[in-house]
Amino acid sequence: MNPTNLPRSSNTVSMKKYCIAKSAIHGKGIFLTRDVKKDETILIFRGKEIVDPDVGHWWYNPRALQSGYAKWIVPEKGSACGYLNHCCSPTAGVKGKKRIVAMRPLKKGEEVTIDYALSETYPLWHMRCHCKAKNCRKVVKPYQDMPAWRMKRYVNYTSQYILDMKLHLNWDEYLKSKKR
């Protein structure tokens, strides 16, 4: 999805790798202003970390990034992170706690998207998906509801919080990891 309203560059070099533009997925999105290599950092998810023991913060802001048990990072007002859309065929993922990196080489004009399930474990969380990807799940649920093959495929792009919980391992793999 290459938006036609990307800023045109003249002879100036921009330090930013992205801009905010109209998205076919949802409202506005983050689009690359230059090519990006696989595993290259695109942005750091910035915002206020909140603790909400009663209700998942996704209820108020589905773009919040889960960072711990009942903890979410809510995008700063006006931050690009507030435009990070979900896609069932994501172009980026989470490394560590809040670094958004490319899952594959990406071209200028591509939308930066993540699979929201790769950073969410709140059991009641779900959302209707409108990403229009060929493999769209129609309803996105928390990480632990993903099939094992998808967990394995995206293990390098899953938030550290989830990896620390070892939800991506089957029972035998979990037991082996405990012996190390």
C-alpha atoms as a PDB file:
ATOM      1  CA  MET A   1       0.000   0.000   0.000  1.00  0.00           C
ATOM      2  CA  ASN A   2       1.898   3.019  -1.241  1.00  0.00           C
ATOM      3  CA  PRO A   3       0.116   6.212  -0.315  1.00  0.00           C
ATOM      4  CA  THR A   4       0.218   8.939  -2.886  1.00  0.00           C
ATOM      5  CA  ASN A   5       0.542  11.652  -0.261  1.00  0.00           C
ATOM      6  CA  LEU A   6       4.077  10.802   0.950  1.00  0.00           C
ATOM      7  CA  PRO A   7       6.220  13.910   1.234  1.00  0.00           C
ATOM      8  CA  ARG A   8       8.338  14.492  -1.844  1.00  0.00           C
ATOM      9  CA  SER A   9      12.004  14.919  -1.023  1.00  0.00           C
ATOM     10  CA  SER A  10      14.194  17.422  -2.766  1.00  0.00           C
ATOM     11  CA  ASN A  11      17.885  17.613  -1.954  1.00  0.00           C
ATOM     12  CA  THR A  12      17.293  17.438   1.785  1.00  0.00           C
ATOM     13  CA  VAL A  13      18.034  14.306   3.779  1.00  0.00           C
ATOM     14  CA  SER A  14      15.536  13.388   6.480  1.00  0.00           C
ATOM     15  CA  MET A  15      16.705  11.608   9.616  1.00  0.00           C
ATOM     16  CA  LYS A  16      13.236  10.137  10.105  1.00  0.00           C
ATOM     17  CA  LYS A  17      12.512   6.855   8.411  1.00  0.00           C
ATOM     18  CA  TYR A  18       8.788   7.442   8.321  1.00  0.00           C
ATOM     19  CA  CYS A  19       5.925   9.882   7.983  1.00  0.00           C
ATOM     20  CA  ILE A  20       2.249   9.781   8.921  1.00  0.00           C
ATOM     21  CA  ALA A  21      -0.155   9.439   6.001  1.00  0.00           C
ATOM     22  CA  LYS A  22      -3.646   8.173   5.137  1.00  0.00           C
ATOM     23  CA  SER A  23      -3.899   4.408   5.572  1.00  0.00           C
ATOM     24  CA  ALA A  24      -6.132   1.908   3.801  1.00  0.00           C
ATOM     25  CA  ILE A  25      -6.189  -0.109   7.044  1.00  0.00           C
ATOM     26  CA  HIS A  26      -7.395   2.484   9.540  1.00  0.00           C
ATOM     27  CA  GLY A  27      -7.380   6.269   9.412  1.00  0.00           C
ATOM     28  CA  LYS A  28      -3.724   7.231   9.313  1.00  0.00           C
ATOM     29  CA  GLY A  29      -0.653   5.047   9.503  1.00  0.00           C
ATOM     30  CA  ILE A  30       3.126   5.103   9.579  1.00  0.00           C
ATOM     31  CA  PHE A  31       4.755   4.950   6.132  1.00  0.00           C
ATOM     32  CA  LEU A  32       8.434   4.600   5.309  1.00  0.00           C
ATOM     33  CA  THR A  33      10.198   7.533   3.649  1.00  0.00           C
ATOM     34  CA  ARG A  34      13.150   5.332   2.691  1.00  0.00           C
ATOM     35  CA  ASP A  35      14.047   1.663   2.337  1.00  0.00           C
ATOM     36  CA  VAL A  36      14.684  -0.204   5.600  1.00  0.00           C
ATOM     37  CA  LYS A  37      16.713  -3.392   6.144  1.00  0.00           C
ATOM     38  CA  LYS A  38      15.414  -6.490   7.928  1.00  0.00           C
ATOM     39  CA  ASP A  39      15.738  -6.093  11.726  1.00  0.00           C
ATOM     40  CA  GLU A  40      16.501  -2.375  11.406  1.00  0.00           C
ATOM     41  CA  THR A  41      14.898  -0.234  14.095  1.00  0.00           C
ATOM     42  CA  ILE A  42      12.119   1.887  12.653  1.00  0.00           C
ATOM     43  CA  LEU A  43      11.021   3.624  15.832  1.00  0.00           C
ATOM     44  CA  ILE A  44      11.026   3.384  19.600  1.00  0.00           C
ATOM     45  CA  PHE A  45       7.560   3.111  21.107  1.00  0.00           C
ATOM     46  CA  ARG A  46       7.356   6.156  23.364  1.00  0.00           C
ATOM     47  CA  GLY A  47       4.693   6.910  25.888  1.00  0.00           C
ATOM     48  CA  LYS A  48       3.627   6.741  29.485  1.00  0.00           C
ATOM     49  CA  GLU A  49       3.673   3.351  31.179  1.00  0.00           C
ATOM     50  CA  ILE A  50       0.464   2.824  33.086  1.00  0.00           C
ATOM     51  CA  VAL A  51      -0.566   0.085  35.488  1.00  0.00           C
ATOM     52  CA  ASP A  52      -4.162  -1.025  35.263  1.00  0.00           C
ATOM     53  CA  PRO A  53      -4.902  -4.083  37.434  1.00  0.00           C
ATOM     54  CA  ASP A  54      -8.657  -4.035  36.837  1.00  0.00           C
ATOM     55  CA  VAL A  55      -9.191  -3.570  33.106  1.00  0.00           C
ATOM     56  CA  GLY A  56      -6.875  -3.965  30.138  1.00  0.00           C
ATOM     57  CA  HIS A  57      -5.878  -0.559  28.821  1.00  0.00           C
ATOM     58  CA  TRP A  58      -6.698  -1.747  25.301  1.00  0.00           C
ATOM     59  CA  TRP A  59     -10.272  -0.889  26.196  1.00  0.00           C
ATOM     60  CA  TYR A  60      -9.315   2.777  26.189  1.00  0.00           C
ATOM     61  CA  ASN A  61      -6.458   2.723  23.676  1.00  0.00           C
ATOM     62  CA  PRO A  62      -5.986  -0.364  21.498  1.00  0.00           C
ATOM     63  CA  ARG A  63      -2.633   1.000  20.280  1.00  0.00           C
ATOM     64  CA  ALA A  64      -1.124   0.726  23.768  1.00  0.00           C
ATOM     65  CA  LEU A  65       1.789  -1.725  23.907  1.00  0.00           C
ATOM     66  CA  GLN A  66       1.712  -4.237  26.755  1.00  0.00           C
ATOM     67  CA  SER A  67       4.979  -4.111  28.704  1.00  0.00           C
ATOM     68  CA  GLY A  68       4.236  -6.308  31.715  1.00  0.00           C
ATOM     69  CA  TYR A  69       1.474  -7.873  33.752  1.00  0.00           C
ATOM     70  CA  ALA A  70      -1.331  -5.280  33.738  1.00  0.00           C
ATOM     71  CA  LYS A  71       1.137  -2.692  32.345  1.00  0.00           C
ATOM     72  CA  TRP A  72       0.853  -0.868  29.052  1.00  0.00           C
ATOM     73  CA  ILE A  73       2.759   1.899  27.332  1.00  0.00           C
ATOM     74  CA  VAL A  74       0.240   4.428  26.060  1.00  0.00           C
ATOM     75  CA  PRO A  75       1.506   6.428  23.057  1.00  0.00           C
ATOM     76  CA  GLU A  76       2.403  10.051  23.779  1.00  0.00           C
ATOM     77  CA  LYS A  77      -0.076  12.512  22.338  1.00  0.00           C
ATOM     78  CA  GLY A  78       0.990  13.344  18.784  1.00  0.00           C
ATOM     79  CA  SER A  79       3.505  10.477  18.724  1.00  0.00           C
ATOM     80  CA  ALA A  80       3.866   8.354  15.601  1.00  0.00           C
ATOM     81  CA  CYS A  81       3.198   5.343  17.838  1.00  0.00           C
ATOM     82  CA  GLY A  82      -0.449   6.376  17.961  1.00  0.00           C
ATOM     83  CA  TYR A  83      -0.625   5.563  14.242  1.00  0.00           C
ATOM     84  CA  LEU A  84       0.936   2.100  14.394  1.00  0.00           C
ATOM     85  CA  ASN A  85      -1.756  -0.019  12.774  1.00  0.00           C
ATOM     86  CA  HIS A  86      -2.373  -3.747  13.140  1.00  0.00           C
ATOM     87  CA  CYS A  87      -2.073  -6.138  10.219  1.00  0.00           C
ATOM     88  CA  CYS A  88      -2.356  -9.931  10.183  1.00  0.00           C
ATOM     89  CA  SER A  89       0.626  -9.864   7.759  1.00  0.00           C
ATOM     90  CA  PRO A  90       2.775  -7.390   9.692  1.00  0.00           C
ATOM     91  CA  THR A  91       5.781  -5.595   8.246  1.00  0.00           C
ATOM     92  CA  ALA A  92       7.338  -4.990  11.669  1.00  0.00           C
ATOM     93  CA  GLY A  93       7.476  -6.452  15.138  1.00  0.00           C
ATOM     94  CA  VAL A  94       8.573  -5.718  18.685  1.00  0.00           C
ATOM     95  CA  LYS A  95      12.155  -6.288  19.865  1.00  0.00           C
ATOM     96  CA  GLY A  96      12.741  -6.007  23.570  1.00  0.00           C
ATOM     97  CA  LYS A  97      10.222  -3.896  25.409  1.00  0.00           C
ATOM     98  CA  LYS A  98       9.437  -1.148  22.894  1.00  0.00           C
ATOM     99  CA  ARG A  99      11.649  -1.185  19.816  1.00  0.00           C
ATOM    100  CA  ILE A 100       9.732  -1.564  16.535  1.00  0.00           C
ATOM    101  CA  VAL A 101      11.855  -3.304  13.873  1.00  0.00           C
ATOM    102  CA  ALA A 102      11.361  -4.433  10.278  1.00  0.00           C
ATOM    103  CA  MET A 103      10.518  -8.131   9.861  1.00  0.00           C
ATOM    104  CA  ARG A 104      11.865  -8.144   6.315  1.00  0.00           C
ATOM    105  CA  PRO A 105      13.480  -5.652   3.946  1.00  0.00           C
ATOM    106  CA  LEU A 106      10.902  -2.894   3.452  1.00  0.00           C
ATOM    107  CA  LYS A 107      10.568  -0.410   0.615  1.00  0.00           C
ATOM    108  CA  LYS A 108       9.918   3.297   0.749  1.00  0.00           C
ATOM    109  CA  GLY A 109       6.155   3.870   0.864  1.00  0.00           C
ATOM    110  CA  GLU A 110       5.262   0.646   2.705  1.00  0.00           C
ATOM    111  CA  GLU A 111       3.095   0.956   5.795  1.00  0.00           C
ATOM    112  CA  VAL A 112       4.708  -0.050   9.073  1.00  0.00           C
ATOM    113  CA  THR A 113       2.315  -2.437  10.823  1.00  0.00           C
ATOM    114  CA  ILE A 114       2.584  -4.890  13.683  1.00  0.00           C
ATOM    115  CA  ASP A 115       0.434  -7.805  14.762  1.00  0.00           C
ATOM    116  CA  TYR A 116      -1.067  -6.445  17.986  1.00  0.00           C
ATOM    117  CA  ALA A 117      -1.247 -10.005  19.362  1.00  0.00           C
ATOM    118  CA  LEU A 118       2.579 -10.069  19.529  1.00  0.00           C
ATOM    119  CA  SER A 119       2.457  -7.706  22.495  1.00  0.00           C
ATOM    120  CA  GLU A 120      -0.839  -8.458  24.203  1.00  0.00           C
ATOM    121  CA  THR A 121      -1.746 -11.210  26.687  1.00  0.00           C
ATOM    122  CA  TYR A 122      -4.792  -9.766  28.431  1.00  0.00           C
ATOM    123  CA  PRO A 123      -7.191 -12.757  28.175  1.00  0.00           C
ATOM    124  CA  LEU A 124     -10.320 -10.747  27.393  1.00  0.00           C
ATOM    125  CA  TRP A 125      -8.640  -8.609  24.736  1.00  0.00           C
ATOM    126  CA  HIS A 126      -9.825  -8.951  21.167  1.00  0.00           C
ATOM    127  CA  MET A 127     -10.526  -6.647  18.268  1.00  0.00           C
ATOM    128  CA  ARG A 128     -12.205  -6.799  14.914  1.00  0.00           C
ATOM    129  CA  CYS A 129      -9.625  -6.639  12.137  1.00  0.00           C
ATOM    130  CA  HIS A 130      -9.959  -4.677   8.904  1.00  0.00           C
ATOM    131  CA  CYS A 131      -6.432  -5.123   7.569  1.00  0.00           C
ATOM    132  CA  LYS A 132      -7.566  -6.722   4.283  1.00  0.00           C
ATOM    133  CA  ALA A 133      -4.515  -9.033   4.235  1.00  0.00           C
ATOM    134  CA  LYS A 134      -4.973 -12.360   2.444  1.00  0.00           C
ATOM    135  CA  ASN A 135      -4.573 -14.138   5.786  1.00  0.00           C
ATOM    136  CA  CYS A 136      -6.719 -11.705   7.805  1.00  0.00           C
ATOM    137  CA  ARG A 137      -8.006 -13.387  10.971  1.00  0.00           C
ATOM    138  CA  LYS A 138     -11.078 -11.077  11.127  1.00  0.00           C
ATOM    139  CA  VAL A 139     -10.819 -11.128  14.946  1.00  0.00           C
ATOM    140  CA  VAL A 140      -7.444 -10.630  16.642  1.00  0.00           C
ATOM    141  CA  LYS A 141      -7.033 -12.222  20.063  1.00  0.00           C
ATOM    142  CA  PRO A 142      -4.214 -12.242  22.630  1.00  0.00           C
ATOM    143  CA  TYR A 143      -0.900 -13.976  22.049  1.00  0.00           C
ATOM    144  CA  GLN A 144      -1.788 -17.159  23.905  1.00  0.00           C
ATOM    145  CA  ASP A 145      -4.711 -17.729  21.514  1.00  0.00           C
ATOM    146  CA  MET A 146      -2.451 -17.714  18.446  1.00  0.00           C
ATOM    147  CA  PRO A 147      -1.647 -21.060  16.817  1.00  0.00           C
ATOM    148  CA  ALA A 148       1.793 -22.502  17.635  1.00  0.00           C
ATOM    149  CA  TRP A 149       3.036 -22.088  14.049  1.00  0.00           C
ATOM    150  CA  ARG A 150       2.373 -18.331  14.175  1.00  0.00           C
ATOM    151  CA  MET A 151       4.118 -18.016  17.551  1.00  0.00           C
ATOM    152  CA  LYS A 152       7.194 -19.780  16.114  1.00  0.00           C
ATOM    153  CA  ARG A 153       7.144 -17.702  12.938  1.00  0.00           C
ATOM    154  CA  TYR A 154       7.158 -14.428  14.849  1.00  0.00           C
ATOM    155  CA  VAL A 155       9.246 -15.392  17.891  1.00  0.00           C
ATOM    156  CA  ASN A 156      11.987 -12.894  16.942  1.00  0.00           C
ATOM    157  CA  TYR A 157       9.410 -10.106  16.729  1.00  0.00           C
ATOM    158  CA  THR A 158       7.480 -10.736  19.932  1.00  0.00           C
ATOM    159  CA  SER A 159       7.704  -8.440  22.954  1.00  0.00           C
ATOM    160  CA  GLN A 160      10.219  -9.400  25.630  1.00  0.00           C
ATOM    161  CA  TYR A 161       7.448  -9.509  28.209  1.00  0.00           C
ATOM    162  CA  ILE A 162       5.775 -12.377  26.348  1.00  0.00           C
ATOM    163  CA  LEU A 163       9.048 -14.166  25.593  1.00  0.00           C
ATOM    164  CA  ASP A 164       9.936 -14.053  29.284  1.00  0.00           C
ATOM    165  CA  MET A 165       6.654 -15.829  30.036  1.00  0.00           C
ATOM    166  CA  LYS A 166       7.705 -18.563  27.564  1.00  0.00           C
ATOM    167  CA  LEU A 167       4.229 -18.747  26.037  1.00  0.00           C
ATOM    168  CA  HIS A 168       5.781 -19.503  22.645  1.00  0.00           C
ATOM    169  CA  LEU A 169       7.153 -22.861  23.834  1.00  0.00           C
ATOM    170  CA  ASN A 170       5.311 -26.147  23.915  1.00  0.00           C
ATOM    171  CA  TRP A 171       5.588 -28.198  27.105  1.00  0.00           C
ATOM    172  CA  ASP A 172       8.664 -30.212  26.011  1.00  0.00           C
ATOM    173  CA  GLU A 173      10.486 -27.074  24.846  1.00  0.00           C
ATOM    174  CA  TYR A 174       9.610 -25.351  28.110  1.00  0.00           C
ATOM    175  CA  LEU A 175      11.038 -28.209  30.183  1.00  0.00           C
ATOM    176  CA  LYS A 176      14.241 -28.191  28.116  1.00  0.00           C
ATOM    177  CA  SER A 177      14.578 -24.417  28.631  1.00  0.00           C
ATOM    178  CA  LYS A 178      14.344 -24.904  32.409  1.00  0.00           C
ATOM    179  CA  LYS A 179      17.278 -27.399  32.359  1.00  0.00           C
ATOM    180  CA  ARG A 180      19.648 -24.842  30.826  1.00  0.00           C
END
